[in-house]
C-alpha cells in the first residue's frame, strides 16, 4: 500500500513539473512574439 502511494505521488509530481515546463515554454513563446511585434 505504501508503494502505491509513492507511485501516485511521483506521478502527481511528474505531472506538476510537466505543466510547469509547458507553462514556461508558453510564456517564453508569448514573450518572444510580444517583443517581436513591439520592436
PDB file of N, CA and C in Angstrom:
ATOM      1  N   UNK A   1       0.835  -1.195   0.000  1.00  0.00           N
ATOM      2  CA  UNK A   1       0.000   0.000   0.000  1.00  0.00           C
ATOM      3  C   UNK A   1       0.879   1.258   0.000  1.00  0.00           C
ATOM      4  N   UNK A   2       1.967   1.209   0.778  1.00  0.00           N
ATOM      5  CA  UNK A   2       2.864   2.364   0.823  1.00  0.00           C
ATOM      6  C   UNK A   2       3.515   2.596  -0.537  1.00  0.00           C
ATOM      7  N   UNK A   3       3.862   1.505  -1.220  1.00  0.00           N
ATOM      8  CA  UNK A   3       4.492   1.629  -2.536  1.00  0.00           C
ATOM      9  C   UNK A   3       3.533   2.288  -3.528  1.00  0.00           C
ATOM     10  N   UNK A   4       2.259   1.929  -3.442  1.00  0.00           N
ATOM     11  CA  UNK A   4       1.272   2.511  -4.353  1.00  0.00           C
ATOM     12  C   UNK A   4       1.157   4.019  -4.111  1.00  0.00           C
ATOM     13  N   UNK A   5       1.167   4.429  -2.848  1.00  0.00           N
ATOM     14  CA  UNK A   5       1.100   5.855  -2.535  1.00  0.00           C
ATOM     15  C   UNK A   5       2.322   6.582  -3.090  1.00  0.00           C
ATOM     16  N   UNK A   6       3.483   5.951  -2.989  1.00  0.00           N
ATOM     17  CA  UNK A   6       4.699   6.564  -3.526  1.00  0.00           C
ATOM     18  C   UNK A   6       4.564   6.769  -5.032  1.00  0.00           C
ATOM     19  N   UNK A   7       4.037   5.768  -5.716  1.00  0.00           N
ATOM     20  CA  UNK A   7       3.895   5.864  -7.165  1.00  0.00           C
ATOM     21  C   UNK A   7       2.915   6.973  -7.534  1.00  0.00           C
ATOM     22  N   UNK A   8       1.814   7.069  -6.804  1.00  0.00           N
ATOM     23  CA  UNK A   8       0.819   8.102  -7.080  1.00  0.00           C
ATOM     24  C   UNK A   8       1.429   9.482  -6.855  1.00  0.00           C
ATOM     25  N   UNK A   9       2.212   9.626  -5.794  1.00  0.00           N
ATOM     26  CA  UNK A   9       2.836  10.919  -5.500  1.00  0.00           C
ATOM     27  C   UNK A   9       3.836  11.288  -6.598  1.00  0.00           C
ATOM     28  N   UNK A  10       4.636  10.317  -7.035  1.00  0.00           N
ATOM     29  CA  UNK A  10       5.626  10.601  -8.072  1.00  0.00           C
ATOM     30  C   UNK A  10       4.927  10.975  -9.376  1.00  0.00           C
ATOM     31  N   UNK A  11       3.795  10.336  -9.665  1.00  0.00           N
ATOM     32  CA  UNK A  11       3.041  10.657 -10.874  1.00  0.00           C
ATOM     33  C   UNK A  11       2.512  12.079 -10.788  1.00  0.00           C
ATOM     34  N   UNK A  12       1.980  12.446  -9.634  1.00  0.00           N
ATOM     35  CA  UNK A  12       1.465  13.816  -9.445  1.00  0.00           C
ATOM     36  C   UNK A  12       2.612  14.816  -9.565  1.00  0.00           C
ATOM     37  N   UNK A  13       3.767  14.477  -8.972  1.00  0.00           N
ATOM     38  CA  UNK A  13       4.926  15.363  -9.036  1.00  0.00           C
ATOM     39  C   UNK A  13       5.380  15.527 -10.484  1.00  0.00           C
ATOM     40  N   UNK A  14       5.396  14.421 -11.241  1.00  0.00           N
ATOM     41  CA  UNK A  14       5.795  14.475 -12.646  1.00  0.00           C
ATOM     42  C   UNK A  14       4.830  15.345 -13.442  1.00  0.00           C
ATOM     43  N   UNK A  15       3.537  15.192 -13.193  1.00  0.00           N
ATOM     44  CA  UNK A  15       2.538  15.986 -13.907  1.00  0.00           C
ATOM     45  C   UNK A  15       2.690  17.464 -13.586  1.00  0.00           C
ATOM     46  N   UNK A  16       2.896  17.796 -12.320  1.00  0.00           N
ATOM     47  CA  UNK A  16       3.031  19.206 -11.928  1.00  0.00           C
ATOM     48  C   UNK A  16       4.282  19.808 -12.558  1.00  0.00           C
ATOM     49  N   UNK A  17       5.389  19.071 -12.572  1.00  0.00           N
ATOM     50  CA  UNK A  17       6.621  19.594 -13.168  1.00  0.00           C
ATOM     51  C   UNK A  17       6.450  19.742 -14.681  1.00  0.00           C
ATOM     52  N   UNK A  18       5.740  18.793 -15.323  1.00  0.00           N
ATOM     53  CA  UNK A  18       5.497  18.872 -16.760  1.00  0.00           C
ATOM     54  C   UNK A  18       4.656  20.101 -17.091  1.00  0.00           C
ATOM     55  N   UNK A  19       3.614  20.356 -16.277  1.00  0.00           N
ATOM     56  CA  UNK A  19       2.763  21.520 -16.504  1.00  0.00           C
ATOM     57  C   UNK A  19       3.570  22.801 -16.331  1.00  0.00           C
ATOM     58  N   UNK A  20       4.483  22.814 -15.347  1.00  0.00           N
ATOM     59  CA  UNK A  20       5.311  23.998 -15.111  1.00  0.00           C
ATOM     60  C   UNK A  20       6.214  24.261 -16.312  1.00  0.00           C
ATOM     61  N   UNK A  21       6.816  23.196 -16.855  1.00  0.00           N
ATOM     62  CA  UNK A  21       7.693  23.342 -18.022  1.00  0.00           C
ATOM     63  C   UNK A  21       6.896  23.866 -19.215  1.00  0.00           C
ATOM     64  N   UNK A  22       5.701  23.297 -19.438  1.00  0.00           N
ATOM     65  CA  UNK A  22       4.865  23.745 -20.551  1.00  0.00           C
ATOM     66  C   UNK A  22       4.463  25.201 -20.373  1.00  0.00           C
ATOM     67  N   UNK A  23       4.153  25.588 -19.130  1.00  0.00           N
ATOM     68  CA  UNK A  23       3.772  26.975 -18.852  1.00  0.00           C
ATOM     69  C   UNK A  23       4.941  27.912 -19.155  1.00  0.00           C
ATOM     70  N   UNK A  24       6.150  27.509 -18.737  1.00  0.00           N
ATOM     71  CA  UNK A  24       7.325  28.346 -19.000  1.00  0.00           C
ATOM     72  C   UNK A  24       7.581  28.452 -20.496  1.00  0.00           C
ATOM     73  N   UNK A  25       7.442  27.335 -21.230  1.00  0.00           N
ATOM     74  CA  UNK A  25       7.651  27.376 -22.679  1.00  0.00           C
ATOM     75  C   UNK A  25       6.625  28.288 -23.335  1.00  0.00           C
ATOM     76  N   UNK A  26       5.376  28.201 -22.888  1.00  0.00           N
ATOM     77  CA  UNK A  26       4.316  29.045 -23.449  1.00  0.00           C
ATOM     78  C   UNK A  26       4.578  30.515 -23.169  1.00  0.00           C
ATOM     79  N   UNK A  27       5.018  30.822 -21.946  1.00  0.00           N
ATOM     80  CA  UNK A  27       5.308  32.212 -21.597  1.00  0.00           C
ATOM     81  C   UNK A  27       6.484  32.736 -22.414  1.00  0.00           C
ATOM     82  N   UNK A  28       7.506  31.896 -22.614  1.00  0.00           N
ATOM     83  CA  UNK A  28       8.667  32.313 -23.401  1.00  0.00           C
ATOM     84  C   UNK A  28       8.260  32.577 -24.849  1.00  0.00           C
ATOM     85  N   UNK A  29       7.424  31.697 -25.403  1.00  0.00           N
ATOM     86  CA  UNK A  29       6.966  31.874 -26.778  1.00  0.00           C
ATOM     87  C   UNK A  29       6.126  33.136 -26.898  1.00  0.00           C
ATOM     88  N   UNK A  30       5.221  33.359 -25.936  1.00  0.00           N
ATOM     89  CA  UNK A  30       4.383  34.554 -25.953  1.00  0.00           C
ATOM     90  C   UNK A  30       5.243  35.806 -25.823  1.00  0.00           C
ATOM     91  N   UNK A  31       6.232  35.773 -24.936  1.00  0.00           N
ATOM     92  CA  UNK A  31       7.114  36.923 -24.753  1.00  0.00           C
ATOM     93  C   UNK A  31       7.900  37.220 -26.024  1.00  0.00           C
ATOM     94  N   UNK A  32       8.353  36.160 -26.722  1.00  0.00           N
ATOM     95  CA  UNK A  32       9.108  36.351 -27.956  1.00  0.00           C
ATOM     96  C   UNK A  32       8.243  37.057 -29.000  1.00  0.00           C
ATOM     97  N   UNK A  33       6.996  36.594 -29.149  1.00  0.00           N
ATOM     98  CA  UNK A  33       6.098  37.217 -30.128  1.00  0.00           C
ATOM     99  C   UNK A  33       5.760  38.650 -29.723  1.00  0.00           C
ATOM    100  N   UNK A  34       5.569  38.892 -28.419  1.00  0.00           N
ATOM    101  CA  UNK A  34       5.225  40.239 -27.942  1.00  0.00           C
ATOM    102  C   UNK A  34       6.377  41.200 -28.239  1.00  0.00           C
ATOM    103  N   UNK A  35       7.616  40.775 -27.946  1.00  0.00           N
ATOM    104  CA  UNK A  35       8.763  41.649 -28.202  1.00  0.00           C
ATOM    105  C   UNK A  35       8.947  41.872 -29.700  1.00  0.00           C
ATOM    106  N   UNK A  36       8.676  40.832 -30.508  1.00  0.00           N
ATOM    107  CA  UNK A  36       8.852  40.964 -31.949  1.00  0.00           C
ATOM    108  C   UNK A  36       7.854  41.980 -32.509  1.00  0.00           C
ATOM    109  N   UNK A  37       6.603  41.934 -32.048  1.00  0.00           N
ATOM    110  CA  UNK A  37       5.588  42.858 -32.562  1.00  0.00           C
ATOM    111  C   UNK A  37       5.851  44.280 -32.062  1.00  0.00           C
ATOM    112  N   UNK A  38       6.449  44.394 -30.877  1.00  0.00           N
ATOM    113  CA  UNK A  38       6.724  45.724 -30.319  1.00  0.00           C
ATOM    114  C   UNK A  38       7.849  46.408 -31.088  1.00  0.00           C
ATOM    115  N   UNK A  39       8.915  45.662 -31.336  1.00  0.00           N
ATOM    116  CA  UNK A  39      10.088  46.256 -31.994  1.00  0.00           C
ATOM    117  C   UNK A  39       9.884  46.311 -33.509  1.00  0.00           C
TER     118      UNK A  39
END
